[in-house]
Amino acid sequence: MILKIPFFPGEKYYCAQDCALMVLKYFFPEKEFYLEEIGRRSGKHQEFGTMTVGLAKALKEFGLKVDFYYKNEEGEEMSKEDKKSFLEKYGNFLEQERETKKEAKERGVNFIEKDFSLEEVEKEIEKKRTVITLVNWNVFAKKESYQGHFIILTGFDKEHIYFHNPGHNFPEENAKERKERMEKARSYPGTNKETIIAYL
């Protein structure tokens, strides 16, 4: 099963906004949306990128119902090298994340602390709901370390998950990945297994 979600190759460093645009055009095909406005609403930072919670807030502001799933990572530590790199890059960004989370809750985003499995993802897809998830792209690229990236999970079969991959370098519509590797990319320390379910 694969949902017919519009695909836009996207622009460099706009993967979150590209995913949001595809979701919005899926539900509101007659409306016009602009990456700049999506970026403003989602709190895109030129250097640090976009927080998942900021993306959830933006989709809610555009009129969708939004469930935000996340998993606390107690006991799941990054390597020392990854943690150092993460804090150097995002440390000052964490305070803004707390404020954005507060705003998202005020706007009605439904926060659910849960280890959201691929089986549950498949059930949401069967309901024709859209699923945006944060992954460590380096798992797919077979590289060490962490590189956060947003994708839309568009479908599934017995062994694979299909997804829209926006981006400047290797955009692909309904790319296919084995479920085991997708779960590894979603579960990598630093992702918090953050997943957005958006629907009408």
C-alpha atoms as a PDB file:
ATOM      1  CA  MET A   1       0.000   0.000   0.000  1.00  0.00           C
ATOM      2  CA  ILE A   2       1.350   3.421  -0.979  1.00  0.00           C
ATOM      3  CA  LEU A   3      -0.436   6.733  -0.415  1.00  0.00           C
ATOM      4  CA  LYS A   4      -0.567   9.145  -3.351  1.00  0.00           C
ATOM      5  CA  ILE A   5       1.200  11.987  -1.596  1.00  0.00           C
ATOM      6  CA  PRO A   6       2.530  14.699  -3.939  1.00  0.00           C
ATOM      7  CA  PHE A   7       6.304  14.709  -4.252  1.00  0.00           C
ATOM      8  CA  PHE A   8       8.488  17.796  -4.456  1.00  0.00           C
ATOM      9  CA  PRO A   9      12.266  17.268  -4.750  1.00  0.00           C
ATOM     10  CA  GLY A  10      12.857  20.172  -2.421  1.00  0.00           C
ATOM     11  CA  GLU A  11      15.715  22.516  -1.708  1.00  0.00           C
ATOM     12  CA  LYS A  12      18.930  22.134   0.211  1.00  0.00           C
ATOM     13  CA  TYR A  13      18.469  22.352   3.994  1.00  0.00           C
ATOM     14  CA  TYR A  14      14.675  22.584   3.717  1.00  0.00           C
ATOM     15  CA  CYS A  15      13.793  18.905   4.257  1.00  0.00           C
ATOM     16  CA  ALA A  16      11.368  19.703   7.107  1.00  0.00           C
ATOM     17  CA  GLN A  17       9.554  22.372   5.118  1.00  0.00           C
ATOM     18  CA  ASP A  18       9.563  20.186   1.993  1.00  0.00           C
ATOM     19  CA  CYS A  19       7.854  17.416   3.975  1.00  0.00           C
ATOM     20  CA  ALA A  20       5.298  19.881   5.339  1.00  0.00           C
ATOM     21  CA  LEU A  21       4.588  21.193   1.833  1.00  0.00           C
ATOM     22  CA  MET A  22       3.920  17.674   0.534  1.00  0.00           C
ATOM     23  CA  VAL A  23       1.587  16.955   3.451  1.00  0.00           C
ATOM     24  CA  LEU A  24      -0.290  20.227   2.988  1.00  0.00           C
ATOM     25  CA  LYS A  25      -0.744  19.666  -0.762  1.00  0.00           C
ATOM     26  CA  TYR A  26      -1.993  16.137  -0.039  1.00  0.00           C
ATOM     27  CA  PHE A  27      -4.799  17.463   2.146  1.00  0.00           C
ATOM     28  CA  PHE A  28      -5.341  20.860   0.493  1.00  0.00           C
ATOM     29  CA  PRO A  29      -4.454  20.384  -3.203  1.00  0.00           C
ATOM     30  CA  GLU A  30      -6.163  23.600  -4.329  1.00  0.00           C
ATOM     31  CA  LYS A  31      -4.321  25.873  -1.921  1.00  0.00           C
ATOM     32  CA  GLU A  32      -0.962  27.561  -2.411  1.00  0.00           C
ATOM     33  CA  PHE A  33       1.762  27.188   0.194  1.00  0.00           C
ATOM     34  CA  TYR A  34       5.221  28.703   0.337  1.00  0.00           C
ATOM     35  CA  LEU A  35       8.385  27.326   1.897  1.00  0.00           C
ATOM     36  CA  GLU A  36       9.243  30.702   3.413  1.00  0.00           C
ATOM     37  CA  GLU A  37       5.978  30.842   5.357  1.00  0.00           C
ATOM     38  CA  ILE A  38       6.268  27.209   6.417  1.00  0.00           C
ATOM     39  CA  GLY A  39       9.813  27.965   7.533  1.00  0.00           C
ATOM     40  CA  ARG A  40       8.689  30.963   9.579  1.00  0.00           C
ATOM     41  CA  ARG A  41       5.855  29.051  11.241  1.00  0.00           C
ATOM     42  CA  SER A  42       8.066  26.048  11.986  1.00  0.00           C
ATOM     43  CA  GLY A  43      10.917  28.142  13.376  1.00  0.00           C
ATOM     44  CA  LYS A  44      13.505  27.170  10.797  1.00  0.00           C
ATOM     45  CA  HIS A  45      16.982  28.257  11.810  1.00  0.00           C
ATOM     46  CA  GLN A  46      19.452  28.980   9.020  1.00  0.00           C
ATOM     47  CA  GLU A  47      22.256  27.167  10.837  1.00  0.00           C
ATOM     48  CA  PHE A  48      20.518  24.584  13.026  1.00  0.00           C
ATOM     49  CA  GLY A  49      17.604  23.537  10.858  1.00  0.00           C
ATOM     50  CA  THR A  50      14.114  22.769  12.178  1.00  0.00           C
ATOM     51  CA  MET A  51      12.882  21.090  15.333  1.00  0.00           C
ATOM     52  CA  THR A  52      10.322  18.330  14.876  1.00  0.00           C
ATOM     53  CA  VAL A  53       8.035  20.043  17.372  1.00  0.00           C
ATOM     54  CA  GLY A  54       8.257  23.262  15.353  1.00  0.00           C
ATOM     55  CA  LEU A  55       7.147  21.376  12.270  1.00  0.00           C
ATOM     56  CA  ALA A  56       4.231  19.881  14.209  1.00  0.00           C
ATOM     57  CA  LYS A  57       3.219  23.359  15.380  1.00  0.00           C
ATOM     58  CA  ALA A  58       3.269  24.700  11.828  1.00  0.00           C
ATOM     59  CA  LEU A  59       1.064  21.913  10.469  1.00  0.00           C
ATOM     60  CA  LYS A  60      -1.417  22.568  13.264  1.00  0.00           C
ATOM     61  CA  GLU A  61      -1.478  26.276  12.413  1.00  0.00           C
ATOM     62  CA  PHE A  62      -2.264  25.399   8.795  1.00  0.00           C
ATOM     63  CA  GLY A  63      -5.425  23.597   9.921  1.00  0.00           C
ATOM     64  CA  LEU A  64      -4.474  19.956  10.373  1.00  0.00           C
ATOM     65  CA  LYS A  65      -4.901  17.716  13.379  1.00  0.00           C
ATOM     66  CA  VAL A  66      -1.469  16.735  14.650  1.00  0.00           C
ATOM     67  CA  ASP A  67      -0.207  13.971  16.928  1.00  0.00           C
ATOM     68  CA  PHE A  68       3.421  14.285  18.011  1.00  0.00           C
ATOM     69  CA  TYR A  69       5.029  11.041  19.181  1.00  0.00           C
ATOM     70  CA  TYR A  70       8.369  10.983  20.945  1.00  0.00           C
ATOM     71  CA  LYS A  71      10.410   8.635  23.084  1.00  0.00           C
ATOM     72  CA  ASN A  72      12.563   9.561  26.043  1.00  0.00           C
ATOM     73  CA  GLU A  73      16.010   8.108  25.533  1.00  0.00           C
ATOM     74  CA  GLU A  74      16.954   7.210  29.080  1.00  0.00           C
ATOM     75  CA  GLY A  75      19.661   4.601  28.970  1.00  0.00           C
ATOM     76  CA  GLU A  76      20.282   5.169  25.255  1.00  0.00           C
ATOM     77  CA  GLU A  77      23.428   7.230  25.061  1.00  0.00           C
ATOM     78  CA  MET A  78      25.105   8.692  22.020  1.00  0.00           C
ATOM     79  CA  SER A  79      28.762   7.927  21.558  1.00  0.00           C
ATOM     80  CA  LYS A  80      31.046  10.546  23.121  1.00  0.00           C
ATOM     81  CA  GLU A  81      31.922  11.831  19.651  1.00  0.00           C
ATOM     82  CA  ASP A  82      28.255  12.114  18.598  1.00  0.00           C
ATOM     83  CA  LYS A  83      27.231  13.743  21.872  1.00  0.00           C
ATOM     84  CA  LYS A  84      30.026  16.322  21.669  1.00  0.00           C
ATOM     85  CA  SER A  85      29.101  17.146  18.079  1.00  0.00           C
ATOM     86  CA  PHE A  86      25.390  17.338  18.941  1.00  0.00           C
ATOM     87  CA  LEU A  87      25.874  19.700  21.890  1.00  0.00           C
ATOM     88  CA  GLU A  88      28.297  21.899  19.968  1.00  0.00           C
ATOM     89  CA  LYS A  89      25.772  22.262  17.172  1.00  0.00           C
ATOM     90  CA  TYR A  90      22.443  22.300  19.024  1.00  0.00           C
ATOM     91  CA  GLY A  91      23.184  23.176  22.656  1.00  0.00           C
ATOM     92  CA  ASN A  92      21.962  26.773  22.415  1.00  0.00           C
ATOM     93  CA  PHE A  93      18.980  25.579  20.403  1.00  0.00           C
ATOM     94  CA  LEU A  94      17.499  23.517  23.254  1.00  0.00           C
ATOM     95  CA  GLU A  95      16.021  26.517  25.071  1.00  0.00           C
ATOM     96  CA  GLN A  96      14.150  27.522  21.927  1.00  0.00           C
ATOM     97  CA  GLU A  97      12.867  23.958  21.636  1.00  0.00           C
ATOM     98  CA  ARG A  98      11.308  24.182  25.105  1.00  0.00           C
ATOM     99  CA  GLU A  99       9.539  27.417  24.175  1.00  0.00           C
ATOM    100  CA  THR A 100       8.318  25.979  20.873  1.00  0.00           C
ATOM    101  CA  LYS A 101       6.960  22.919  22.652  1.00  0.00           C
ATOM    102  CA  LYS A 102       4.957  25.183  24.942  1.00  0.00           C
ATOM    103  CA  GLU A 103       3.522  27.066  21.960  1.00  0.00           C
ATOM    104  CA  ALA A 104       2.672  23.823  20.153  1.00  0.00           C
ATOM    105  CA  LYS A 105       0.734  22.550  23.164  1.00  0.00           C
ATOM    106  CA  GLU A 106      -1.164  25.839  23.388  1.00  0.00           C
ATOM    107  CA  ARG A 107      -2.159  25.504  19.718  1.00  0.00           C
ATOM    108  CA  GLY A 108      -3.494  22.003  20.261  1.00  0.00           C
ATOM    109  CA  VAL A 109      -0.753  19.639  19.112  1.00  0.00           C
ATOM    110  CA  ASN A 110      -1.367  16.299  20.818  1.00  0.00           C
ATOM    111  CA  PHE A 111       1.858  15.186  22.565  1.00  0.00           C
ATOM    112  CA  ILE A 112       2.205  11.442  23.142  1.00  0.00           C
ATOM    113  CA  GLU A 113       5.241   9.956  24.874  1.00  0.00           C
ATOM    114  CA  LYS A 114       5.464   6.528  23.268  1.00  0.00           C
ATOM    115  CA  ASP A 115       7.833   4.261  21.389  1.00  0.00           C
ATOM    116  CA  PHE A 116       5.889   4.530  18.125  1.00  0.00           C
ATOM    117  CA  SER A 117       6.534   1.348  16.148  1.00  0.00           C
ATOM    118  CA  LEU A 118       6.497   0.736  12.407  1.00  0.00           C
ATOM    119  CA  GLU A 119       3.467  -1.491  12.895  1.00  0.00           C
ATOM    120  CA  GLU A 120       1.640   1.530  14.307  1.00  0.00           C
ATOM    121  CA  VAL A 121       2.939   3.657  11.428  1.00  0.00           C
ATOM    122  CA  GLU A 122       1.382   1.178   8.995  1.00  0.00           C
ATOM    123  CA  LYS A 123      -1.984   1.468  10.731  1.00  0.00           C
ATOM    124  CA  GLU A 124      -1.863   5.255  10.345  1.00  0.00           C
ATOM    125  CA  ILE A 125      -1.022   4.924   6.651  1.00  0.00           C
ATOM    126  CA  GLU A 126      -3.978   2.566   6.239  1.00  0.00           C
ATOM    127  CA  LYS A 127      -6.152   5.379   7.628  1.00  0.00           C
ATOM    128  CA  LYS A 128      -4.686   7.630   4.893  1.00  0.00           C
ATOM    129  CA  ARG A 129      -2.932   9.784   7.461  1.00  0.00           C
ATOM    130  CA  THR A 130       0.480  11.295   6.745  1.00  0.00           C
ATOM    131  CA  VAL A 131       3.578  10.337   8.697  1.00  0.00           C
ATOM    132  CA  ILE A 132       6.670  12.536   8.963  1.00  0.00           C
ATOM    133  CA  THR A 133       9.558  11.040  10.883  1.00  0.00           C
ATOM    134  CA  LEU A 134      13.025  12.168  11.945  1.00  0.00           C
ATOM    135  CA  VAL A 135      15.818   9.769  10.994  1.00  0.00           C
ATOM    136  CA  ASN A 136      19.570   9.575  11.136  1.00  0.00           C
ATOM    137  CA  TRP A 137      20.270   9.708   7.404  1.00  0.00           C
ATOM    138  CA  ASN A 138      23.767   8.340   7.915  1.00  0.00           C
ATOM    139  CA  VAL A 139      22.245   4.936   8.689  1.00  0.00           C
ATOM    140  CA  PHE A 140      21.026   4.796   5.079  1.00  0.00           C
ATOM    141  CA  ALA A 141      24.274   6.294   3.783  1.00  0.00           C
ATOM    142  CA  LYS A 142      26.222   3.657   5.755  1.00  0.00           C
ATOM    143  CA  LYS A 143      28.269   6.291   7.532  1.00  0.00           C
ATOM    144  CA  GLU A 144      29.142   6.733  11.162  1.00  0.00           C
ATOM    145  CA  SER A 145      27.824   9.645  13.283  1.00  0.00           C
ATOM    146  CA  TYR A 146      24.511  11.507  13.239  1.00  0.00           C
ATOM    147  CA  GLN A 147      22.820  13.500  10.468  1.00  0.00           C
ATOM    148  CA  GLY A 148      19.211  14.424  11.200  1.00  0.00           C
ATOM    149  CA  HIS A 149      16.822  14.365   8.248  1.00  0.00           C
ATOM    150  CA  PHE A 150      13.031  14.451   7.763  1.00  0.00           C
ATOM    151  CA  ILE A 151      11.190  12.066   5.448  1.00  0.00           C
ATOM    152  CA  ILE A 152       7.543  11.152   4.785  1.00  0.00           C
ATOM    153  CA  LEU A 153       6.609   7.496   5.162  1.00  0.00           C
ATOM    154  CA  THR A 154       4.263   6.859   2.250  1.00  0.00           C
ATOM    155  CA  GLY A 155       3.597   3.128   2.262  1.00  0.00           C
ATOM    156  CA  PHE A 156       4.676  -0.382   3.074  1.00  0.00           C
ATOM    157  CA  ASP A 157       4.716  -4.005   2.025  1.00  0.00           C
ATOM    158  CA  LYS A 158       5.731  -7.128   3.893  1.00  0.00           C
ATOM    159  CA  GLU A 159       9.434  -6.311   4.081  1.00  0.00           C
ATOM    160  CA  HIS A 160       9.803  -2.645   3.119  1.00  0.00           C
ATOM    161  CA  ILE A 161       8.819   0.879   4.029  1.00  0.00           C
ATOM    162  CA  TYR A 162       8.364   3.429   1.233  1.00  0.00           C
ATOM    163  CA  PHE A 163       9.142   7.097   1.724  1.00  0.00           C
ATOM    164  CA  HIS A 164       9.477  10.464   0.012  1.00  0.00           C
ATOM    165  CA  ASN A 165      13.004  11.735   0.426  1.00  0.00           C
ATOM    166  CA  PRO A 166      13.269  15.486  -0.177  1.00  0.00           C
ATOM    167  CA  GLY A 167      16.596  17.165  -0.518  1.00  0.00           C
ATOM    168  CA  HIS A 168      19.092  18.821  -2.787  1.00  0.00           C
ATOM    169  CA  ASN A 169      21.408  15.843  -3.253  1.00  0.00           C
ATOM    170  CA  PHE A 170      19.374  12.657  -3.657  1.00  0.00           C
ATOM    171  CA  PRO A 171      15.633  13.417  -3.842  1.00  0.00           C
ATOM    172  CA  GLU A 172      13.527  10.331  -4.479  1.00  0.00           C
ATOM    173  CA  GLU A 173       9.822   9.623  -4.696  1.00  0.00           C
ATOM    174  CA  ASN A 174       8.609   6.516  -2.849  1.00  0.00           C
ATOM    175  CA  ALA A 175      12.115   5.305  -2.094  1.00  0.00           C
ATOM    176  CA  LYS A 176      12.219   1.791  -0.675  1.00  0.00           C
ATOM    177  CA  GLU A 177      14.053   0.638   2.445  1.00  0.00           C
ATOM    178  CA  ARG A 178      13.979  -2.546   4.471  1.00  0.00           C
ATOM    179  CA  LYS A 179      11.992  -2.211   7.680  1.00  0.00           C
ATOM    180  CA  GLU A 180      14.946  -3.210   9.861  1.00  0.00           C
ATOM    181  CA  ARG A 181      17.128  -0.400   8.550  1.00  0.00           C
ATOM    182  CA  MET A 182      14.294   2.138   8.720  1.00  0.00           C
ATOM    183  CA  GLU A 183      13.712   1.247  12.349  1.00  0.00           C
ATOM    184  CA  LYS A 184      17.425   1.615  13.053  1.00  0.00           C
ATOM    185  CA  ALA A 185      17.438   5.083  11.447  1.00  0.00           C
ATOM    186  CA  ARG A 186      14.333   6.150  13.418  1.00  0.00           C
ATOM    187  CA  SER A 187      15.680   4.760  16.691  1.00  0.00           C
ATOM    188  CA  TYR A 188      19.193   6.175  16.520  1.00  0.00           C
ATOM    189  CA  PRO A 189      20.109   8.158  19.664  1.00  0.00           C
ATOM    190  CA  GLY A 190      19.361  11.803  18.985  1.00  0.00           C
ATOM    191  CA  THR A 191      16.143  11.231  17.047  1.00  0.00           C
ATOM    192  CA  ASN A 192      13.984  10.508  20.133  1.00  0.00           C
ATOM    193  CA  LYS A 193      11.994   8.503  17.575  1.00  0.00           C
ATOM    194  CA  GLU A 194      10.088  11.737  16.889  1.00  0.00           C
ATOM    195  CA  THR A 195       7.133  11.188  14.566  1.00  0.00           C
ATOM    196  CA  ILE A 196       4.359  13.494  13.356  1.00  0.00           C
ATOM    197  CA  ILE A 197       0.953  12.157  12.343  1.00  0.00           C
ATOM    198  CA  ALA A 198      -1.062  14.777  10.446  1.00  0.00           C
ATOM    199  CA  TYR A 199      -4.676  14.352   9.324  1.00  0.00           C
ATOM    200  CA  LEU A 200      -7.995  16.128   8.834  1.00  0.00           C
END
